[in-house]
C-alpha atoms as a PDB file:
ATOM      1  CA  MET A   1     -44.144 -48.522 -40.554  1.00  0.00           C
ATOM      2  CA  SER A   2     -40.446 -49.404 -40.651  1.00  0.00           C
ATOM      3  CA  ALA A   3     -38.125 -48.395 -37.835  1.00  0.00           C
ATOM      4  CA  ILE A   4     -35.990 -45.287 -38.286  1.00  0.00           C
ATOM      5  CA  PRO A   5     -32.387 -46.456 -38.771  1.00  0.00           C
ATOM      6  CA  LEU A   6     -29.841 -45.154 -36.282  1.00  0.00           C
ATOM      7  CA  ASN A   7     -26.258 -44.389 -37.200  1.00  0.00           C
ATOM      8  CA  ASP A   8     -23.287 -45.477 -35.081  1.00  0.00           C
ATOM      9  CA  GLY A   9     -23.051 -42.156 -33.259  1.00  0.00           C
ATOM     10  CA  ALA A  10     -26.694 -42.212 -32.207  1.00  0.00           C
ATOM     11  CA  ILE A  11     -26.386 -45.817 -31.015  1.00  0.00           C
ATOM     12  CA  ALA A  12     -23.215 -45.059 -29.057  1.00  0.00           C
ATOM     13  CA  LEU A  13     -24.854 -42.063 -27.357  1.00  0.00           C
ATOM     14  CA  LEU A  14     -28.020 -44.034 -26.637  1.00  0.00           C
ATOM     15  CA  ILE A  15     -26.068 -46.864 -24.974  1.00  0.00           C
ATOM     16  CA  PHE A  16     -23.887 -44.390 -23.050  1.00  0.00           C
ATOM     17  CA  LEU A  17     -26.783 -42.347 -21.677  1.00  0.00           C
ATOM     18  CA  ALA A  18     -29.041 -45.334 -21.019  1.00  0.00           C
ATOM     19  CA  SER A  19     -26.270 -47.000 -19.000  1.00  0.00           C
ATOM     20  CA  LEU A  20     -25.831 -43.906 -16.848  1.00  0.00           C
ATOM     21  CA  PHE A  21     -29.578 -43.713 -16.287  1.00  0.00           C
ATOM     22  CA  LEU A  22     -29.733 -47.416 -15.402  1.00  0.00           C
ATOM     23  CA  ASP A  23     -26.992 -47.003 -12.806  1.00  0.00           C
ATOM     24  CA  TYR A  24     -28.781 -43.958 -11.386  1.00  0.00           C
ATOM     25  CA  LEU A  25     -32.099 -45.795 -11.313  1.00  0.00           C
ATOM     26  CA  ILE A  26     -31.195 -49.161  -9.783  1.00  0.00           C
ATOM     27  CA  GLY A  27     -27.425 -49.343  -9.267  1.00  0.00           C
ATOM     28  CA  ASP A  28     -26.252 -52.892  -8.544  1.00  0.00           C
ATOM     29  CA  PRO A  29     -29.133 -54.960  -7.118  1.00  0.00           C
ATOM     30  CA  TRP A  30     -27.731 -57.151  -4.331  1.00  0.00           C
ATOM     31  CA  HIS A  31     -29.446 -60.369  -5.402  1.00  0.00           C
ATOM     32  CA  TRP A  32     -28.521 -60.200  -9.100  1.00  0.00           C
ATOM     33  CA  LEU A  33     -25.479 -61.885 -10.586  1.00  0.00           C
ATOM     34  CA  HIS A  34     -22.872 -59.205 -11.218  1.00  0.00           C
ATOM     35  CA  PRO A  35     -19.894 -59.368 -13.615  1.00  0.00           C
ATOM     36  CA  VAL A  36     -17.564 -58.533 -10.718  1.00  0.00           C
ATOM     37  CA  GLN A  37     -18.775 -61.653  -8.895  1.00  0.00           C
ATOM     38  CA  VAL A  38     -17.809 -63.789 -11.874  1.00  0.00           C
ATOM     39  CA  MET A  39     -14.449 -62.019 -12.040  1.00  0.00           C
ATOM     40  CA  GLY A  40     -13.968 -62.747  -8.353  1.00  0.00           C
ATOM     41  CA  TRP A  41     -14.615 -66.460  -8.845  1.00  0.00           C
ATOM     42  CA  VAL A  42     -12.078 -66.655 -11.660  1.00  0.00           C
ATOM     43  CA  ILE A  43      -9.460 -64.671  -9.733  1.00  0.00           C
ATOM     44  CA  SER A  44      -9.904 -66.750  -6.581  1.00  0.00           C
ATOM     45  CA  ALA A  45      -9.709 -70.063  -8.432  1.00  0.00           C
ATOM     46  CA  TYR A  46      -6.628 -69.020 -10.432  1.00  0.00           C
ATOM     47  CA  THR A  47      -4.842 -67.555  -7.414  1.00  0.00           C
ATOM     48  CA  GLU A  48      -5.511 -70.500  -5.127  1.00  0.00           C
ATOM     49  CA  THR A  49      -4.305 -72.912  -7.792  1.00  0.00           C
ATOM     50  CA  ALA A  50      -1.158 -70.885  -8.477  1.00  0.00           C
ATOM     51  CA  LEU A  51      -0.263 -70.585  -4.774  1.00  0.00           C
ATOM     52  CA  HIS A  52      -0.827 -74.310  -4.348  1.00  0.00           C
ATOM     53  CA  LEU A  53       1.451 -75.165  -7.278  1.00  0.00           C
ATOM     54  CA  THR A  54       4.447 -72.992  -6.386  1.00  0.00           C
ATOM     55  CA  GLN A  55       5.928 -70.576  -3.878  1.00  0.00           C
ATOM     56  CA  SER A  56       8.700 -69.397  -6.227  1.00  0.00           C
ATOM     57  CA  PRO A  57       8.573 -65.562  -6.455  1.00  0.00           C
ATOM     58  CA  PRO A  58       9.690 -65.361 -10.125  1.00  0.00           C
ATOM     59  CA  LEU A  59       7.198 -68.012 -11.183  1.00  0.00           C
ATOM     60  CA  LEU A  60       4.399 -66.394  -9.179  1.00  0.00           C
ATOM     61  CA  ARG A  61       5.168 -63.078 -10.866  1.00  0.00           C
ATOM     62  CA  LEU A  62       4.952 -64.766 -14.255  1.00  0.00           C
ATOM     63  CA  LEU A  63       1.657 -66.377 -13.294  1.00  0.00           C
ATOM     64  CA  GLY A  64       0.479 -62.953 -12.109  1.00  0.00           C
ATOM     65  CA  VAL A  65       1.227 -61.490 -15.540  1.00  0.00           C
ATOM     66  CA  GLY A  66      -0.805 -64.313 -17.070  1.00  0.00           C
ATOM     67  CA  LEU A  67      -3.712 -63.641 -14.693  1.00  0.00           C
ATOM     68  CA  THR A  68      -3.692 -59.924 -15.495  1.00  0.00           C
ATOM     69  CA  LEU A  69      -3.755 -60.590 -19.238  1.00  0.00           C
ATOM     70  CA  LEU A  70      -6.436 -63.242 -18.787  1.00  0.00           C
ATOM     71  CA  MET A  71      -8.717 -60.858 -16.905  1.00  0.00           C
ATOM     72  CA  LEU A  72      -8.030 -57.825 -19.074  1.00  0.00           C
ATOM     73  CA  LEU A  73      -8.436 -59.557 -22.440  1.00  0.00           C
ATOM     74  CA  GLY A  74     -10.910 -62.157 -21.251  1.00  0.00           C
ATOM     75  CA  SER A  75     -13.361 -59.694 -19.707  1.00  0.00           C
ATOM     76  CA  GLY A  76     -13.255 -57.423 -22.737  1.00  0.00           C
ATOM     77  CA  GLY A  77     -13.503 -60.403 -25.080  1.00  0.00           C
ATOM     78  CA  VAL A  78     -16.480 -61.933 -23.278  1.00  0.00           C
ATOM     79  CA  ALA A  79     -18.270 -58.569 -23.294  1.00  0.00           C
ATOM     80  CA  TRP A  80     -17.595 -58.163 -27.019  1.00  0.00           C
ATOM     81  CA  GLY A  81     -18.822 -61.701 -27.700  1.00  0.00           C
ATOM     82  CA  MET A  82     -22.043 -61.217 -25.722  1.00  0.00           C
ATOM     83  CA  ILE A  83     -22.812 -57.956 -27.504  1.00  0.00           C
ATOM     84  CA  ALA A  84     -22.018 -59.447 -30.918  1.00  0.00           C
ATOM     85  CA  LEU A  85     -24.174 -62.508 -30.250  1.00  0.00           C
ATOM     86  CA  GLY A  86     -27.032 -60.349 -29.022  1.00  0.00           C
ATOM     87  CA  GLY A  87     -26.715 -58.130 -32.091  1.00  0.00           C
ATOM     88  CA  TRP A  88     -26.798 -61.191 -34.353  1.00  0.00           C
ATOM     89  CA  ILE A  89     -30.070 -62.267 -32.746  1.00  0.00           C
ATOM     90  CA  HIS A  90     -31.505 -58.736 -32.846  1.00  0.00           C
ATOM     91  CA  PRO A  91     -29.798 -55.315 -33.022  1.00  0.00           C
ATOM     92  CA  GLY A  92     -31.808 -54.107 -30.043  1.00  0.00           C
ATOM     93  CA  LEU A  93     -30.665 -57.049 -27.931  1.00  0.00           C
ATOM     94  CA  GLY A  94     -27.014 -56.284 -28.623  1.00  0.00           C
ATOM     95  CA  GLY A  95     -27.539 -52.690 -27.530  1.00  0.00           C
ATOM     96  CA  ALA A  96     -29.387 -53.774 -24.398  1.00  0.00           C
ATOM     97  CA  ILE A  97     -26.556 -56.127 -23.421  1.00  0.00           C
ATOM     98  CA  ALA A  98     -24.000 -53.361 -23.942  1.00  0.00           C
ATOM     99  CA  MET A  99     -26.091 -51.019 -21.827  1.00  0.00           C
ATOM    100  CA  VAL A 100     -26.392 -53.465 -18.916  1.00  0.00           C
ATOM    101  CA  LEU A 101     -22.699 -54.384 -19.006  1.00  0.00           C
ATOM    102  CA  PHE A 102     -21.541 -50.763 -19.032  1.00  0.00           C
ATOM    103  CA  ALA A 103     -23.996 -49.859 -16.264  1.00  0.00           C
ATOM    104  CA  SER A 104     -22.565 -52.704 -14.157  1.00  0.00           C
ATOM    105  CA  CYS A 105     -19.146 -50.996 -14.304  1.00  0.00           C
ATOM    106  CA  LEU A 106     -20.500 -47.786 -12.768  1.00  0.00           C
ATOM    107  CA  ALA A 107     -20.900 -47.564  -9.005  1.00  0.00           C
ATOM    108  CA  GLY A 108     -22.416 -44.119  -8.535  1.00  0.00           C
ATOM    109  CA  ARG A 109     -25.637 -45.291  -6.906  1.00  0.00           C
ATOM    110  CA  SER A 110     -23.942 -48.162  -5.064  1.00  0.00           C
ATOM    111  CA  LEU A 111     -21.356 -45.833  -3.511  1.00  0.00           C
ATOM    112  CA  ARG A 112     -24.047 -43.463  -2.307  1.00  0.00           C
ATOM    113  CA  ARG A 113     -26.117 -46.363  -1.000  1.00  0.00           C
ATOM    114  CA  ALA A 114     -23.136 -47.746   0.933  1.00  0.00           C
ATOM    115  CA  ALA A 115     -22.410 -44.394   2.569  1.00  0.00           C
ATOM    116  CA  GLU A 116     -26.039 -43.798   3.473  1.00  0.00           C
ATOM    117  CA  ASP A 117     -26.334 -47.340   4.821  1.00  0.00           C
ATOM    118  CA  VAL A 118     -23.787 -46.427   7.502  1.00  0.00           C
ATOM    119  CA  LEU A 119     -24.944 -42.839   8.003  1.00  0.00           C
ATOM    120  CA  THR A 120     -28.530 -43.876   8.800  1.00  0.00           C
ATOM    121  CA  PRO A 121     -27.780 -45.592  12.148  1.00  0.00           C
ATOM    122  CA  ILE A 122     -25.333 -42.805  13.063  1.00  0.00           C
ATOM    123  CA  LEU A 123     -28.135 -40.268  12.709  1.00  0.00           C
ATOM    124  CA  LYS A 124     -30.206 -42.462  15.048  1.00  0.00           C
ATOM    125  CA  GLY A 125     -27.367 -42.665  17.567  1.00  0.00           C
ATOM    126  CA  ASP A 126     -26.870 -46.403  17.024  1.00  0.00           C
ATOM    127  CA  LEU A 127     -23.088 -46.708  16.691  1.00  0.00           C
ATOM    128  CA  ASN A 128     -23.094 -50.496  17.093  1.00  0.00           C
ATOM    129  CA  ALA A 129     -25.265 -50.867  13.998  1.00  0.00           C
ATOM    130  CA  ALA A 130     -23.064 -48.373  12.151  1.00  0.00           C
ATOM    131  CA  ARG A 131     -19.937 -50.388  13.027  1.00  0.00           C
ATOM    132  CA  GLN A 132     -21.542 -53.617  11.828  1.00  0.00           C
ATOM    133  CA  ARG A 133     -22.678 -52.079   8.537  1.00  0.00           C
ATOM    134  CA  LEU A 134     -19.294 -50.451   7.969  1.00  0.00           C
ATOM    135  CA  LYS A 135     -17.710 -53.929   7.946  1.00  0.00           C
ATOM    136  CA  ASN A 136     -19.429 -54.558   4.613  1.00  0.00           C
ATOM    137  CA  TYR A 137     -17.507 -51.755   2.933  1.00  0.00           C
ATOM    138  CA  VAL A 138     -14.045 -51.393   4.499  1.00  0.00           C
ATOM    139  CA  GLY A 139     -11.175 -53.723   5.352  1.00  0.00           C
ATOM    140  CA  ARG A 140     -10.227 -52.103   8.670  1.00  0.00           C
ATOM    141  CA  ASP A 141     -11.378 -53.369  12.060  1.00  0.00           C
ATOM    142  CA  THR A 142     -14.557 -51.545  13.043  1.00  0.00           C
ATOM    143  CA  ASP A 143     -15.575 -52.986  16.430  1.00  0.00           C
ATOM    144  CA  ASP A 144     -13.952 -50.237  18.528  1.00  0.00           C
ATOM    145  CA  LEU A 145     -14.376 -47.222  16.238  1.00  0.00           C
ATOM    146  CA  ASN A 146     -15.985 -44.112  17.664  1.00  0.00           C
ATOM    147  CA  GLU A 147     -18.317 -41.873  15.661  1.00  0.00           C
ATOM    148  CA  SER A 148     -15.601 -39.632  14.221  1.00  0.00           C
ATOM    149  CA  GLU A 149     -13.550 -42.660  13.129  1.00  0.00           C
ATOM    150  CA  ILE A 150     -16.593 -44.235  11.480  1.00  0.00           C
ATOM    151  CA  LEU A 151     -17.296 -41.011   9.602  1.00  0.00           C
ATOM    152  CA  ARG A 152     -13.659 -40.761   8.514  1.00  0.00           C
ATOM    153  CA  ALA A 153     -13.811 -44.328   7.209  1.00  0.00           C
ATOM    154  CA  ILE A 154     -16.935 -43.545   5.167  1.00  0.00           C
ATOM    155  CA  LEU A 155     -15.418 -40.363   3.756  1.00  0.00           C
ATOM    156  CA  GLU A 156     -12.170 -42.125   2.815  1.00  0.00           C
ATOM    157  CA  THR A 157     -14.213 -44.839   1.086  1.00  0.00           C
ATOM    158  CA  VAL A 158     -16.125 -42.237  -0.918  1.00  0.00           C
ATOM    159  CA  ALA A 159     -12.932 -40.346  -1.826  1.00  0.00           C
ATOM    160  CA  GLU A 160     -11.044 -43.433  -3.019  1.00  0.00           C
ATOM    161  CA  ASN A 161     -13.889 -45.295  -4.692  1.00  0.00           C
ATOM    162  CA  THR A 162     -15.160 -42.293  -6.608  1.00  0.00           C
ATOM    163  CA  VAL A 163     -12.199 -42.782  -8.938  1.00  0.00           C
ATOM    164  CA  ASP A 164     -12.154 -46.586  -9.023  1.00  0.00           C
ATOM    165  CA  GLY A 165     -15.915 -47.018  -9.229  1.00  0.00           C
ATOM    166  CA  VAL A 166     -17.222 -43.903 -10.948  1.00  0.00           C
ATOM    167  CA  THR A 167     -14.895 -41.604 -12.870  1.00  0.00           C
ATOM    168  CA  ALA A 168     -12.381 -44.172 -14.181  1.00  0.00           C
ATOM    169  CA  PRO A 169     -15.061 -46.541 -15.597  1.00  0.00           C
ATOM    170  CA  LEU A 170     -16.826 -43.484 -17.010  1.00  0.00           C
ATOM    171  CA  PHE A 171     -13.581 -42.353 -18.655  1.00  0.00           C
ATOM    172  CA  TYR A 172     -13.033 -45.758 -20.248  1.00  0.00           C
ATOM    173  CA  GLY A 173     -16.673 -45.913 -21.261  1.00  0.00           C
ATOM    174  CA  ILE A 174     -16.172 -42.680 -23.189  1.00  0.00           C
ATOM    175  CA  VAL A 175     -13.022 -44.086 -24.820  1.00  0.00           C
ATOM    176  CA  GLY A 176     -14.871 -47.269 -25.758  1.00  0.00           C
ATOM    177  CA  SER A 177     -17.855 -45.383 -27.157  1.00  0.00           C
ATOM    178  CA  ILE A 178     -15.520 -43.638 -29.586  1.00  0.00           C
ATOM    179  CA  VAL A 179     -14.116 -46.979 -30.746  1.00  0.00           C
ATOM    180  CA  SER A 180     -17.513 -48.534 -31.503  1.00  0.00           C
ATOM    181  CA  PRO A 181     -21.173 -48.127 -30.449  1.00  0.00           C
ATOM    182  CA  GLY A 182     -20.957 -50.983 -27.941  1.00  0.00           C
ATOM    183  CA  GLY A 183     -17.346 -50.316 -27.046  1.00  0.00           C
ATOM    184  CA  ALA A 184     -18.170 -48.568 -23.766  1.00  0.00           C
ATOM    185  CA  ALA A 185     -19.036 -51.897 -22.164  1.00  0.00           C
ATOM    186  CA  VAL A 186     -16.022 -53.713 -23.605  1.00  0.00           C
ATOM    187  CA  VAL A 187     -13.373 -51.195 -22.537  1.00  0.00           C
ATOM    188  CA  ALA A 188     -14.963 -50.322 -19.187  1.00  0.00           C
ATOM    189  CA  LEU A 189     -15.379 -54.001 -18.276  1.00  0.00           C
ATOM    190  CA  ALA A 190     -11.744 -54.685 -19.151  1.00  0.00           C
ATOM    191  CA  TYR A 191     -10.716 -51.852 -16.813  1.00  0.00           C
ATOM    192  CA  LYS A 192     -13.087 -53.135 -14.128  1.00  0.00           C
ATOM    193  CA  SER A 193     -11.435 -56.546 -14.257  1.00  0.00           C
ATOM    194  CA  VAL A 194      -8.019 -55.051 -13.479  1.00  0.00           C
ATOM    195  CA  SER A 195      -9.505 -52.907 -10.725  1.00  0.00           C
ATOM    196  CA  THR A 196     -11.104 -56.013  -9.209  1.00  0.00           C
ATOM    197  CA  LEU A 197      -7.806 -57.881  -9.477  1.00  0.00           C
ATOM    198  CA  ASP A 198      -6.008 -55.103  -7.632  1.00  0.00           C
ATOM    199  CA  SER A 199      -8.599 -54.998  -4.845  1.00  0.00           C
ATOM    200  CA  MET A 200      -8.359 -58.772  -4.345  1.00  0.00           C
ATOM    201  CA  ILE A 201      -4.649 -59.582  -4.685  1.00  0.00           C
ATOM    202  CA  GLY A 202      -2.791 -56.306  -5.261  1.00  0.00           C
ATOM    203  CA  TYR A 203      -1.055 -56.343  -1.874  1.00  0.00           C
ATOM    204  CA  LYS A 204       2.601 -56.048  -0.875  1.00  0.00           C
ATOM    205  CA  ARG A 205       2.232 -58.690   1.810  1.00  0.00           C
ATOM    206  CA  PRO A 206       2.292 -62.504   1.523  1.00  0.00           C
ATOM    207  CA  PRO A 207       0.832 -64.529  -0.031  1.00  0.00           C
ATOM    208  CA  TYR A 208      -0.183 -62.050  -2.742  1.00  0.00           C
ATOM    209  CA  ARG A 209       2.962 -59.911  -3.002  1.00  0.00           C
ATOM    210  CA  ASP A 210       4.372 -61.646  -6.085  1.00  0.00           C
ATOM    211  CA  ILE A 211       1.283 -62.914  -7.883  1.00  0.00           C
ATOM    212  CA  GLY A 212      -0.472 -59.566  -7.387  1.00  0.00           C
ATOM    213  CA  TRP A 213       2.433 -57.371  -8.470  1.00  0.00           C
ATOM    214  CA  CYS A 214       1.466 -57.105 -12.153  1.00  0.00           C
ATOM    215  CA  SER A 215      -2.207 -56.403 -11.485  1.00  0.00           C
ATOM    216  CA  ALA A 216      -1.347 -53.674  -8.965  1.00  0.00           C
ATOM    217  CA  ARG A 217       1.041 -51.942 -11.368  1.00  0.00           C
ATOM    218  CA  THR A 218      -1.393 -52.273 -14.279  1.00  0.00           C
ATOM    219  CA  GLU A 219      -4.214 -50.779 -12.225  1.00  0.00           C
ATOM    220  CA  ASP A 220      -1.958 -47.904 -11.179  1.00  0.00           C
ATOM    221  CA  VAL A 221      -1.184 -47.120 -14.818  1.00  0.00           C
ATOM    222  CA  LEU A 222      -4.772 -47.420 -16.071  1.00  0.00           C
ATOM    223  CA  THR A 223      -6.145 -45.275 -13.239  1.00  0.00           C
ATOM    224  CA  TRP A 224      -3.464 -42.558 -13.408  1.00  0.00           C
ATOM    225  CA  LEU A 225      -5.084 -40.333 -16.042  1.00  0.00           C
ATOM    226  CA  PRO A 226      -8.719 -40.672 -14.861  1.00  0.00           C
ATOM    227  CA  CYS A 227      -7.541 -39.903 -11.322  1.00  0.00           C
ATOM    228  CA  ARG A 228      -5.732 -36.705 -12.385  1.00  0.00           C
ATOM    229  CA  LEU A 229      -8.724 -35.591 -14.436  1.00  0.00           C
ATOM    230  CA  THR A 230     -10.933 -36.208 -11.394  1.00  0.00           C
ATOM    231  CA  VAL A 231      -8.655 -34.149  -9.152  1.00  0.00           C
ATOM    232  CA  LEU A 232      -8.485 -31.384 -11.768  1.00  0.00           C
ATOM    233  CA  THR A 233     -12.290 -31.264 -11.900  1.00  0.00           C
ATOM    234  CA  LEU A 234     -12.517 -31.174  -8.094  1.00  0.00           C
ATOM    235  CA  ALA A 235      -9.993 -28.353  -8.122  1.00  0.00           C
ATOM    236  CA  LEU A 236     -12.200 -26.358 -10.501  1.00  0.00           C
ATOM    237  CA  LEU A 237     -15.322 -27.149  -8.468  1.00  0.00           C
ATOM    238  CA  SER A 238     -13.622 -26.032  -5.259  1.00  0.00           C
ATOM    239  CA  GLY A 239     -13.220 -22.469  -6.555  1.00  0.00           C
ATOM    240  CA  ARG A 240      -9.526 -22.572  -5.582  1.00  0.00           C
ATOM    241  CA  PRO A 241      -8.010 -24.715  -8.327  1.00  0.00           C
ATOM    242  CA  ARG A 242      -4.366 -23.702  -7.837  1.00  0.00           C
ATOM    243  CA  HIS A 243      -4.571 -24.213  -4.085  1.00  0.00           C
ATOM    244  CA  LEU A 244      -6.163 -27.673  -4.279  1.00  0.00           C
ATOM    245  CA  TRP A 245      -3.872 -28.886  -7.054  1.00  0.00           C
ATOM    246  CA  GLY A 246      -0.814 -27.568  -5.236  1.00  0.00           C
ATOM    247  CA  GLN A 247      -1.821 -29.264  -1.982  1.00  0.00           C
ATOM    248  CA  CYS A 248      -2.325 -32.563  -3.798  1.00  0.00           C
ATOM    249  CA  ARG A 249       1.097 -32.296  -5.450  1.00  0.00           C
ATOM    250  CA  GLN A 250       2.697 -31.720  -2.059  1.00  0.00           C
ATOM    251  CA  GLN A 251       0.770 -34.199   0.058  1.00  0.00           C
ATOM    252  CA  ALA A 252      -0.350 -37.062  -2.194  1.00  0.00           C
ATOM    253  CA  ARG A 253       3.185 -38.460  -2.443  1.00  0.00           C
ATOM    254  CA  ARG A 254       2.936 -39.428   1.228  1.00  0.00           C
ATOM    255  CA  ASP A 255       0.566 -42.226   0.214  1.00  0.00           C
ATOM    256  CA  PRO A 256       2.250 -45.293  -1.322  1.00  0.00           C
ATOM    257  CA  SER A 257      -0.490 -45.491  -3.946  1.00  0.00           C
ATOM    258  CA  PRO A 258       0.056 -43.138  -6.913  1.00  0.00           C
ATOM    259  CA  ASN A 259      -3.692 -42.615  -7.222  1.00  0.00           C
ATOM    260  CA  SER A 260      -5.642 -43.028  -3.975  1.00  0.00           C
ATOM    261  CA  GLY A 261      -3.448 -40.439  -2.250  1.00  0.00           C
ATOM    262  CA  TRP A 262      -4.414 -37.901  -4.923  1.00  0.00           C
ATOM    263  CA  SER A 263      -8.148 -38.588  -4.736  1.00  0.00           C
ATOM    264  CA  GLU A 264      -8.276 -38.633  -0.930  1.00  0.00           C
ATOM    265  CA  CYS A 265      -6.201 -35.468  -0.694  1.00  0.00           C
ATOM    266  CA  ALA A 266      -8.429 -33.726  -3.241  1.00  0.00           C
ATOM    267  CA  TYR A 267     -11.571 -34.502  -1.243  1.00  0.00           C
ATOM    268  CA  ALA A 268      -9.869 -33.555   2.036  1.00  0.00           C
ATOM    269  CA  VAL A 269      -8.737 -30.163   0.729  1.00  0.00           C
ATOM    270  CA  ALA A 270     -12.030 -29.457  -1.053  1.00  0.00           C
ATOM    271  CA  LEU A 271     -13.979 -30.178   2.146  1.00  0.00           C
ATOM    272  CA  GLY A 272     -11.502 -28.610   4.562  1.00  0.00           C
ATOM    273  CA  VAL A 273     -10.943 -31.789   6.592  1.00  0.00           C
ATOM    274  CA  GLN A 274      -8.101 -34.184   7.306  1.00  0.00           C
ATOM    275  CA  LEU A 275      -8.113 -37.824   6.174  1.00  0.00           C
ATOM    276  CA  GLY A 276      -5.769 -40.604   7.173  1.00  0.00           C
ATOM    277  CA  GLY A 277      -4.427 -41.550  10.580  1.00  0.00           C
ATOM    278  CA  GLU A 278      -4.394 -44.689  12.652  1.00  0.00           C
ATOM    279  CA  ASN A 279      -6.299 -47.744  11.378  1.00  0.00           C
ATOM    280  CA  ARG A 280      -6.337 -51.312  12.605  1.00  0.00           C
ATOM    281  CA  TYR A 281      -6.372 -54.289  10.228  1.00  0.00           C
ATOM    282  CA  GLN A 282      -6.845 -57.734  11.800  1.00  0.00           C
ATOM    283  CA  GLY A 283      -5.474 -56.349  15.037  1.00  0.00           C
ATOM    284  CA  VAL A 284      -2.407 -54.738  13.440  1.00  0.00           C
ATOM    285  CA  VAL A 285      -2.164 -50.959  13.760  1.00  0.00           C
ATOM    286  CA  THR A 286      -1.325 -49.129  10.519  1.00  0.00           C
ATOM    287  CA  GLU A 287      -0.685 -45.408  10.186  1.00  0.00           C
ATOM    288  CA  LYS A 288      -2.075 -43.952   6.970  1.00  0.00           C
ATOM    289  CA  PRO A 289      -0.617 -40.636   5.782  1.00  0.00           C
ATOM    290  CA  ARG A 290      -2.566 -37.626   6.962  1.00  0.00           C
ATOM    291  CA  LEU A 291      -3.908 -35.610   4.042  1.00  0.00           C
ATOM    292  CA  GLY A 292      -5.525 -32.186   4.162  1.00  0.00           C
ATOM    293  CA  LYS A 293      -5.892 -30.009   7.244  1.00  0.00           C
ATOM    294  CA  PRO A 294      -8.335 -30.475  10.144  1.00  0.00           C
ATOM    295  CA  ASP A 295     -10.028 -27.109   9.632  1.00  0.00           C
ATOM    296  CA  ARG A 296     -13.418 -28.818  10.021  1.00  0.00           C
ATOM    297  CA  GLU A 297     -14.608 -31.813  11.973  1.00  0.00           C
ATOM    298  CA  ILE A 298     -15.841 -34.702   9.819  1.00  0.00           C
ATOM    299  CA  THR A 299     -19.590 -34.836  10.375  1.00  0.00           C
ATOM    300  CA  VAL A 300     -22.538 -36.465   8.641  1.00  0.00           C
ATOM    301  CA  SER A 301     -23.094 -33.273   6.654  1.00  0.00           C
ATOM    302  CA  VAL A 302     -19.461 -33.308   5.470  1.00  0.00           C
ATOM    303  CA  VAL A 303     -19.891 -36.875   4.171  1.00  0.00           C
ATOM    304  CA  GLN A 304     -23.063 -35.758   2.417  1.00  0.00           C
ATOM    305  CA  GLU A 305     -21.090 -32.893   0.845  1.00  0.00           C
ATOM    306  CA  ALA A 306     -18.571 -35.445  -0.414  1.00  0.00           C
ATOM    307  CA  LEU A 307     -21.388 -37.462  -1.987  1.00  0.00           C
ATOM    308  CA  GLY A 308     -22.576 -34.245  -3.623  1.00  0.00           C
ATOM    309  CA  LEU A 309     -19.113 -33.706  -5.104  1.00  0.00           C
ATOM    310  CA  THR A 310     -19.142 -37.249  -6.488  1.00  0.00           C
ATOM    311  CA  ARG A 311     -22.541 -36.655  -8.056  1.00  0.00           C
ATOM    312  CA  ARG A 312     -21.311 -33.442  -9.696  1.00  0.00           C
ATOM    313  CA  LEU A 313     -18.236 -35.251 -11.009  1.00  0.00           C
ATOM    314  CA  LEU A 314     -20.468 -37.883 -12.580  1.00  0.00           C
ATOM    315  CA  VAL A 315     -22.782 -35.324 -14.171  1.00  0.00           C
ATOM    316  CA  LEU A 316     -19.915 -33.261 -15.561  1.00  0.00           C
ATOM    317  CA  GLY A 317     -18.187 -36.393 -16.825  1.00  0.00           C
ATOM    318  CA  ALA A 318     -21.375 -37.508 -18.523  1.00  0.00           C
ATOM    319  CA  LEU A 319     -21.780 -34.126 -20.227  1.00  0.00           C
ATOM    320  CA  VAL A 320     -18.180 -34.203 -21.453  1.00  0.00           C
ATOM    321  CA  GLY A 321     -18.688 -37.776 -22.637  1.00  0.00           C
ATOM    322  CA  VAL A 322     -21.819 -36.912 -24.614  1.00  0.00           C
ATOM    323  CA  TRP A 323     -20.059 -33.984 -26.288  1.00  0.00           C
ATOM    324  CA  TRP A 324     -16.922 -36.015 -27.036  1.00  0.00           C
ATOM    325  CA  VAL A 325     -18.800 -38.981 -28.515  1.00  0.00           C
ATOM    326  CA  TRP A 326     -21.075 -36.709 -30.551  1.00  0.00           C
ATOM    327  CA  ALA A 327     -18.120 -34.718 -31.886  1.00  0.00           C
ATOM    328  CA  HIS A 328     -16.222 -37.891 -32.790  1.00  0.00           C
ATOM    329  CA  TYR A 329     -19.010 -39.391 -34.871  1.00  0.00           C
ATOM    330  CA  ARG A 330     -20.077 -36.029 -36.260  1.00  0.00           C
ATOM    331  CA  PHE A 331     -16.683 -34.967 -37.624  1.00  0.00           C
ATOM    332  CA  ARG A 332     -14.860 -38.215 -38.310  1.00  0.00           C
END
């Protein structure tokens, strides 16, 4: 019996849904090679070479533009090439490659696993273990944090990384699925490369200030719309959409980032807590803007509520994505 042929819309939906299920099922296994690791190697090698060659700010900015284009176009191009090669060998192989690559861009399970990895020792009263595990996920100094500061760090990580690791890649996966059946992986991986660039070198301090300028600005632009859609959805989920949106408009500008301030403020207002405050990075005290109001203490259950919000965002985004992709291929 011959196989039933699938049209482009069915293939796009199959890849989209299978990728979401794969992320839900296994996330990012620690011992497997991950596309972000490869991106990190390329970024590190390029950056170290550039900083060794010159310290001229204009030239470093130009090299930073080149690095951003290399990662953006290179990551998308490699993904497209792998999918095309797999499809040439066998159509099913091309789809499987697209599914794995798109799933690698989603961090829903990984974000939950990271939060629970720190929450587990807290529930057992072992703050030393919680501090040590927290080091794997945040850049701040953790050795002297008390329980409330550890919980705030986890909640801020969930609030910020929900956009960067969940809703923004999902958004670009939907956009890519409309372009072509395997396009979710191509477009989402291109976005992920810029997000990785920003997390590695997108700083306003030496030695990355000039070479990381372009990647930071590009990431800000690419994340702007997914971030606002995420905040809008949280506003609707909160039951007080005008209040949450208004609070974000007032408070988010305190954060120098045009996106993380919005996402952190949205979670803070939705949960009735306050985020931000004093952090220490390599011994240097930094004051982050305070967002939200301290109507509630940040507890383990509050962090679990935040994880529940992230899960609902992912489910709603997936439902919208399925409808949008179906409608595109149905009525084009």
